[in-house]
């Protein structure tokens, strides 16, 4: 799994008496996996490759070419592929910088509902795609998950489901069915809003000389704070106390991002611009 992997990935592997081996998503590579490193980590005992795209915490998206290469690597090493695509509907492409000085209505950010998936590149049924309604439909409290995999895997998962979770509450299932039957009615406006906010966030970072990559999905962007010389946990506490802006410490996600903070763009356009502007000003004021 990516370093630092989500706790549930690690605990699930541990329950099966396995060992979770993290791989690095380096900022210098725009938080994308390095195929050479992945190949070097594979051994005769490696069983599964865990992917997360669009990504939490980076907001990065693996394109079709990269996903094809990752599936090729999995076939060569006889690995199952667990692809966490919970943010798949929140997908945007921001290769062109957008001026933050413009009004939000003037910003045009290309958006397409549906990030690239491993499925088109799975020629032999080795992928297990996990997703749900939490992010696409803002239904985090309903706890409805969805798995798409080979019939053999689904039959096995069905056997153990009763012992682990039995089933979700009936009202939650009915609500999820309504959401899934709605098509793009609710998803597209939300995806467009996140694309617009990502464009705004990227523009502010560019204006302050702190841009390093453009998030292409989910609702997050990582910002480098290494110039301040501050520990990311100390940084976030001071930012909250002195500037009234809340972000997540990069150290929470592992050593690779210890000199970063994670910004969420799940806020109004105005709050995104104001918050990231204050963040940038704080970084410049604290430069060591």
Protein backbone atom coordinates (compact mmCIF):
# COMPACT_ATOMS: atom_id res chain seq x y z
CA UNK A 1 0.00 0.00 0.00
CA UNK A 2 1.09 3.64 -0.41
CA UNK A 3 3.17 5.08 2.44
CA UNK A 4 1.69 5.85 4.91
CA UNK A 5 -1.18 3.47 4.07
CA UNK A 6 -4.63 3.99 5.52
CA UNK A 7 -4.92 2.19 8.90
CA UNK A 8 -7.64 -0.14 7.60
CA UNK A 9 -5.35 -1.44 4.87
CA UNK A 10 -2.69 -2.36 7.41
CA UNK A 11 -5.07 -3.85 9.98
CA UNK A 12 -6.80 -5.98 7.33
CA UNK A 13 -3.46 -7.41 6.23
CA UNK A 14 -2.47 -8.02 9.86
CA UNK A 15 -5.70 -9.91 10.52
CA UNK A 16 -4.62 -12.38 7.84
CA UNK A 17 -1.12 -12.64 9.38
CA UNK A 18 0.38 -10.81 6.45
CA UNK A 19 2.91 -7.97 6.25
CA UNK A 20 1.97 -4.61 4.70
CA UNK A 21 4.92 -3.24 2.70
CA UNK A 22 4.56 0.49 1.95
CA UNK A 23 5.78 2.15 -1.23
CA UNK A 24 6.74 5.81 -1.54
CA UNK A 25 4.71 8.40 -3.44
CA UNK A 26 7.38 11.08 -3.66
CA UNK A 27 6.59 14.80 -4.00
CA UNK A 28 9.31 15.10 -6.67
CA UNK A 29 7.27 12.67 -8.77
CA UNK A 30 4.00 14.55 -8.15
CA UNK A 31 3.00 11.88 -5.61
CA UNK A 32 2.78 9.20 -8.30
CA UNK A 33 4.10 5.63 -7.89
CA UNK A 34 7.53 4.73 -9.23
CA UNK A 35 7.21 1.51 -11.25
CA UNK A 36 10.88 0.63 -10.79
CA UNK A 37 10.58 0.90 -7.01
CA UNK A 38 7.41 -1.18 -7.02
CA UNK A 39 9.08 -3.87 -9.09
CA UNK A 40 11.98 -3.99 -6.62
CA UNK A 41 9.58 -4.40 -3.69
CA UNK A 42 7.86 -7.43 -5.24
CA UNK A 43 9.01 -10.84 -4.01
CA UNK A 44 7.76 -14.41 -4.31
CA UNK A 45 5.69 -13.75 -1.19
CA UNK A 46 3.96 -10.59 -2.47
CA UNK A 47 0.25 -11.23 -2.96
CA UNK A 48 -1.54 -7.94 -3.59
CA UNK A 49 -0.92 -4.39 -4.81
CA UNK A 50 -3.07 -1.69 -3.16
CA UNK A 51 -3.85 1.44 -5.17
CA UNK A 52 -5.75 4.60 -4.22
CA UNK A 53 -6.73 6.96 -7.04
CA UNK A 54 -7.95 9.67 -6.77
CA UNK A 55 -5.83 9.87 -3.68
CA UNK A 56 -6.30 10.90 -0.11
CA UNK A 57 -4.24 12.87 0.97
CA UNK A 58 -2.66 14.15 -2.26
CA UNK A 59 -5.61 14.59 -4.62
CA UNK A 60 -3.47 12.96 -7.31
CA UNK A 61 -4.96 10.75 -10.03
CA UNK A 62 -3.31 7.86 -11.87
CA UNK A 63 -3.92 8.24 -15.61
CA UNK A 64 -4.78 5.38 -17.95
CA UNK A 65 -1.19 4.87 -19.07
CA UNK A 66 0.04 4.51 -15.50
CA UNK A 67 -2.83 2.20 -14.55
CA UNK A 68 -2.06 0.02 -17.59
CA UNK A 69 1.57 -0.21 -16.46
CA UNK A 70 0.55 -1.05 -12.90
CA UNK A 71 -1.75 -3.83 -14.10
CA UNK A 72 1.05 -5.15 -16.32
CA UNK A 73 3.34 -5.22 -13.28
CA UNK A 74 0.66 -7.10 -11.33
CA UNK A 75 0.32 -9.71 -14.08
CA UNK A 76 4.08 -10.16 -14.30
CA UNK A 77 4.27 -10.76 -10.54
CA UNK A 78 0.97 -12.67 -10.22
CA UNK A 79 -0.54 -10.08 -7.86
CA UNK A 80 -4.13 -9.28 -7.06
CA UNK A 81 -4.87 -5.55 -7.32
CA UNK A 82 -7.04 -3.87 -4.68
CA UNK A 83 -8.04 -0.51 -6.15
CA UNK A 84 -9.62 1.98 -3.73
CA UNK A 85 -11.65 4.23 -6.03
CA UNK A 86 -13.90 5.85 -3.41
CA UNK A 87 -13.15 9.33 -4.87
CA UNK A 88 -13.57 8.25 -8.51
CA UNK A 89 -16.46 10.64 -9.23
CA UNK A 90 -14.51 13.68 -8.00
CA UNK A 91 -12.19 14.09 -10.95
CA UNK A 92 -10.81 17.26 -12.50
CA UNK A 93 -7.93 18.19 -14.76
CA UNK A 94 -6.12 21.44 -14.03
CA UNK A 95 -3.15 21.63 -16.36
CA UNK A 96 -3.88 25.26 -17.26
CA UNK A 97 -3.32 27.83 -14.49
CA UNK A 98 -6.31 29.99 -13.59
CA UNK A 99 -5.99 33.48 -12.16
CA UNK A 100 -7.18 33.65 -8.57
CA UNK A 101 -8.04 37.28 -9.05
CA UNK A 102 -10.97 36.32 -11.26
CA UNK A 103 -14.43 35.81 -9.88
CA UNK A 104 -15.40 32.19 -9.25
CA UNK A 105 -17.99 32.34 -12.04
CA UNK A 106 -15.32 33.26 -14.56
CA UNK A 107 -13.18 30.22 -13.77
CA UNK A 108 -13.43 27.38 -16.24
CA UNK A 109 -11.96 24.10 -14.99
CA UNK A 110 -12.25 21.05 -17.24
CA UNK A 111 -14.16 18.35 -15.40
CA UNK A 112 -15.23 14.83 -16.23
CA UNK A 113 -17.25 12.68 -13.88
CA UNK A 114 -15.29 9.48 -13.45
CA UNK A 115 -11.54 9.18 -12.93
CA UNK A 116 -9.60 6.48 -14.80
CA UNK A 117 -10.11 3.00 -13.32
CA UNK A 118 -8.12 -0.23 -13.33
CA UNK A 119 -11.09 -2.08 -14.85
CA UNK A 120 -10.40 -1.35 -18.56
CA UNK A 121 -6.84 -2.62 -18.04
CA UNK A 122 -7.77 -5.82 -16.19
CA UNK A 123 -7.60 -8.57 -18.79
CA UNK A 124 -7.74 -11.55 -16.45
CA UNK A 125 -9.98 -10.61 -13.52
CA UNK A 126 -7.29 -9.91 -10.93
CA UNK A 127 -8.62 -6.52 -9.78
CA UNK A 128 -10.86 -5.85 -6.79
CA UNK A 129 -12.39 -2.38 -6.97
CA UNK A 130 -13.78 -0.92 -3.76
CA UNK A 131 -15.90 2.20 -3.66
CA UNK A 132 -19.12 3.47 -2.08
CA UNK A 133 -21.55 6.36 -1.77
CA UNK A 134 -19.71 8.28 0.96
CA UNK A 135 -17.82 10.74 -1.24
CA UNK A 136 -19.80 10.86 -4.49
CA UNK A 137 -23.10 11.53 -2.72
CA UNK A 138 -21.90 13.07 0.59
CA UNK A 139 -23.30 10.07 2.49
CA UNK A 140 -20.41 9.28 4.81
CA UNK A 141 -22.64 8.32 7.72
CA UNK A 142 -24.60 5.72 5.73
CA UNK A 143 -21.61 3.31 5.59
CA UNK A 144 -22.48 1.74 2.23
CA UNK A 145 -19.58 0.12 0.41
CA UNK A 146 -19.46 -1.43 -3.05
CA UNK A 147 -17.07 -4.08 -4.39
CA UNK A 148 -16.58 -5.09 -8.01
CA UNK A 149 -14.47 -8.18 -8.60
CA UNK A 150 -14.44 -11.64 -10.15
CA UNK A 151 -17.37 -13.95 -9.39
CA UNK A 152 -15.06 -16.26 -7.42
CA UNK A 153 -13.99 -13.42 -5.13
CA UNK A 154 -17.55 -12.15 -4.70
CA UNK A 155 -18.72 -15.65 -3.72
CA UNK A 156 -15.99 -15.85 -1.07
CA UNK A 157 -16.70 -12.33 0.22
CA UNK A 158 -20.39 -13.17 0.48
CA UNK A 159 -19.59 -16.11 2.73
CA UNK A 160 -17.69 -14.01 5.27
CA UNK A 161 -19.91 -10.92 5.08
CA UNK A 162 -22.50 -12.45 7.39
CA UNK A 163 -19.88 -13.11 10.06
CA UNK A 164 -18.35 -9.63 9.86
CA UNK A 165 -21.11 -7.13 9.12
CA UNK A 166 -24.31 -9.04 8.32
CA UNK A 167 -25.75 -6.14 6.30
CA UNK A 168 -26.28 -2.40 6.30
CA UNK A 169 -29.46 -0.99 7.79
CA UNK A 170 -32.39 -1.12 5.35
CA UNK A 171 -32.96 2.69 5.25
CA UNK A 172 -29.29 3.17 4.31
CA UNK A 173 -29.58 0.64 1.51
CA UNK A 174 -32.69 2.32 0.11
CA UNK A 175 -31.03 5.75 0.30
CA UNK A 176 -27.95 4.43 -1.52
CA UNK A 177 -30.14 2.91 -4.23
CA UNK A 178 -31.83 6.27 -4.81
CA UNK A 179 -28.44 7.98 -5.01
CA UNK A 180 -27.04 5.45 -7.47
CA UNK A 181 -30.16 5.64 -9.64
CA UNK A 182 -29.87 9.44 -9.85
CA UNK A 183 -27.10 9.32 -12.45
CA UNK A 184 -25.12 12.56 -12.70
CA UNK A 185 -27.89 14.75 -11.28
CA UNK A 186 -26.06 15.34 -8.01
CA UNK A 187 -22.56 14.14 -8.80
CA UNK A 188 -21.73 16.43 -11.73
CA UNK A 189 -22.50 19.76 -9.96
CA UNK A 190 -20.42 18.62 -6.99
CA UNK A 191 -17.53 17.50 -9.20
CA UNK A 192 -17.64 20.82 -11.04
CA UNK A 193 -17.57 22.70 -7.73
CA UNK A 194 -14.52 20.77 -6.55
CA UNK A 195 -12.78 21.33 -9.89
CA UNK A 196 -13.41 25.07 -9.58
CA UNK A 197 -12.07 25.12 -6.02
CA UNK A 198 -9.00 23.10 -7.01
CA UNK A 199 -8.36 25.66 -9.74
CA UNK A 200 -8.67 28.47 -7.20
CA UNK A 201 -6.36 26.72 -4.74
CA UNK A 202 -3.77 26.05 -7.44
CA UNK A 203 -3.90 29.66 -8.62
CA UNK A 204 -3.31 31.04 -5.11
CA UNK A 205 -0.35 28.69 -4.61
CA UNK A 206 1.12 29.78 -7.96
CA UNK A 207 0.75 33.47 -7.09
CA UNK A 208 2.68 32.92 -3.85
CA UNK A 209 5.38 30.74 -5.42
CA UNK A 210 4.30 27.66 -3.49
CA UNK A 211 2.81 25.56 -6.29
CA UNK A 212 4.40 22.15 -6.84
CA UNK A 213 1.70 20.09 -8.58
CA UNK A 214 -1.96 20.28 -9.53
CA UNK A 215 -4.41 17.92 -7.79
CA UNK A 216 -6.60 16.12 -10.33
CA UNK A 217 -9.19 14.57 -8.07
CA UNK A 218 -10.66 14.10 -4.60
CA UNK A 219 -10.76 17.20 -2.39
CA UNK A 220 -7.20 17.66 -1.20
CA UNK A 221 -3.89 19.27 -2.07
CA UNK A 222 -0.55 18.94 -0.29
CA UNK A 223 1.45 22.12 0.36
CA UNK A 224 5.20 22.13 1.04
CA UNK A 225 6.10 23.94 4.30
CA UNK A 226 9.76 22.88 4.44
CA UNK A 227 10.94 26.47 4.01
CA UNK A 228 9.59 27.31 7.47
CA UNK A 229 11.73 24.72 9.24
CA UNK A 230 8.71 23.87 11.38
CA UNK A 231 7.50 20.40 12.24
CA UNK A 232 4.18 19.90 10.43
CA UNK A 233 2.29 19.18 13.68
CA UNK A 234 3.61 22.34 15.30
CA UNK A 235 2.87 24.22 12.06
CA UNK A 236 -0.81 23.24 11.95
CA UNK A 237 -1.34 24.19 15.60
CA UNK A 238 0.21 27.61 15.10
CA UNK A 239 -1.67 28.17 11.83
CA UNK A 240 -4.93 27.43 13.59
CA UNK A 241 -4.18 29.62 16.59
CA UNK A 242 -2.65 32.57 14.73
CA UNK A 243 -4.50 32.53 11.40
CA UNK A 244 -7.71 30.62 12.17
CA UNK A 245 -7.03 28.14 9.37
CA UNK A 246 -7.25 24.37 9.90
CA UNK A 247 -5.16 21.93 7.84
CA UNK A 248 -3.85 18.42 8.48
CA UNK A 249 -0.24 17.71 9.43
CA UNK A 250 1.65 15.91 6.67
CA UNK A 251 3.46 13.79 9.26
CA UNK A 252 0.15 12.04 9.83
CA UNK A 253 0.59 10.42 6.41
CA UNK A 254 4.22 9.34 6.80
CA UNK A 255 7.80 10.54 6.45
CA UNK A 256 7.46 11.40 2.77
CA UNK A 257 4.96 14.15 3.52
CA UNK A 258 6.29 15.20 6.92
CA UNK A 259 7.30 18.58 5.45
CA UNK A 260 3.84 19.17 3.98
CA UNK A 261 0.32 19.94 5.15
CA UNK A 262 -2.89 18.63 3.63
CA UNK A 263 -5.44 21.25 2.61
CA UNK A 264 -9.09 20.31 2.13
CA UNK A 265 -11.04 22.24 -0.50
CA UNK A 266 -14.38 21.05 0.91
CA UNK A 267 -15.43 24.63 1.62
CA UNK A 268 -16.89 27.60 -0.22
CA UNK A 269 -14.87 29.23 -3.01
CA UNK A 270 -14.31 32.30 -0.84
CA UNK A 271 -13.14 30.26 2.15
CA UNK A 272 -10.76 28.21 -0.03
CA UNK A 273 -9.12 31.37 -1.40
CA UNK A 274 -9.00 33.10 2.00
CA UNK A 275 -7.69 30.05 3.82
CA UNK A 276 -4.95 29.21 1.33
CA UNK A 277 -3.94 32.87 1.07
CA UNK A 278 -3.49 32.97 4.85
CA UNK A 279 -1.58 29.69 4.69
CA UNK A 280 0.80 31.06 2.05
CA UNK A 281 1.32 34.30 3.96
CA UNK A 282 2.09 32.33 7.12
CA UNK A 283 4.65 30.20 5.28
CA UNK A 284 6.42 33.26 3.91
CA UNK A 285 6.39 34.97 7.31
CA UNK A 286 7.94 31.91 8.96
CA UNK A 287 10.62 31.16 6.38
CA UNK A 288 13.78 30.17 8.23
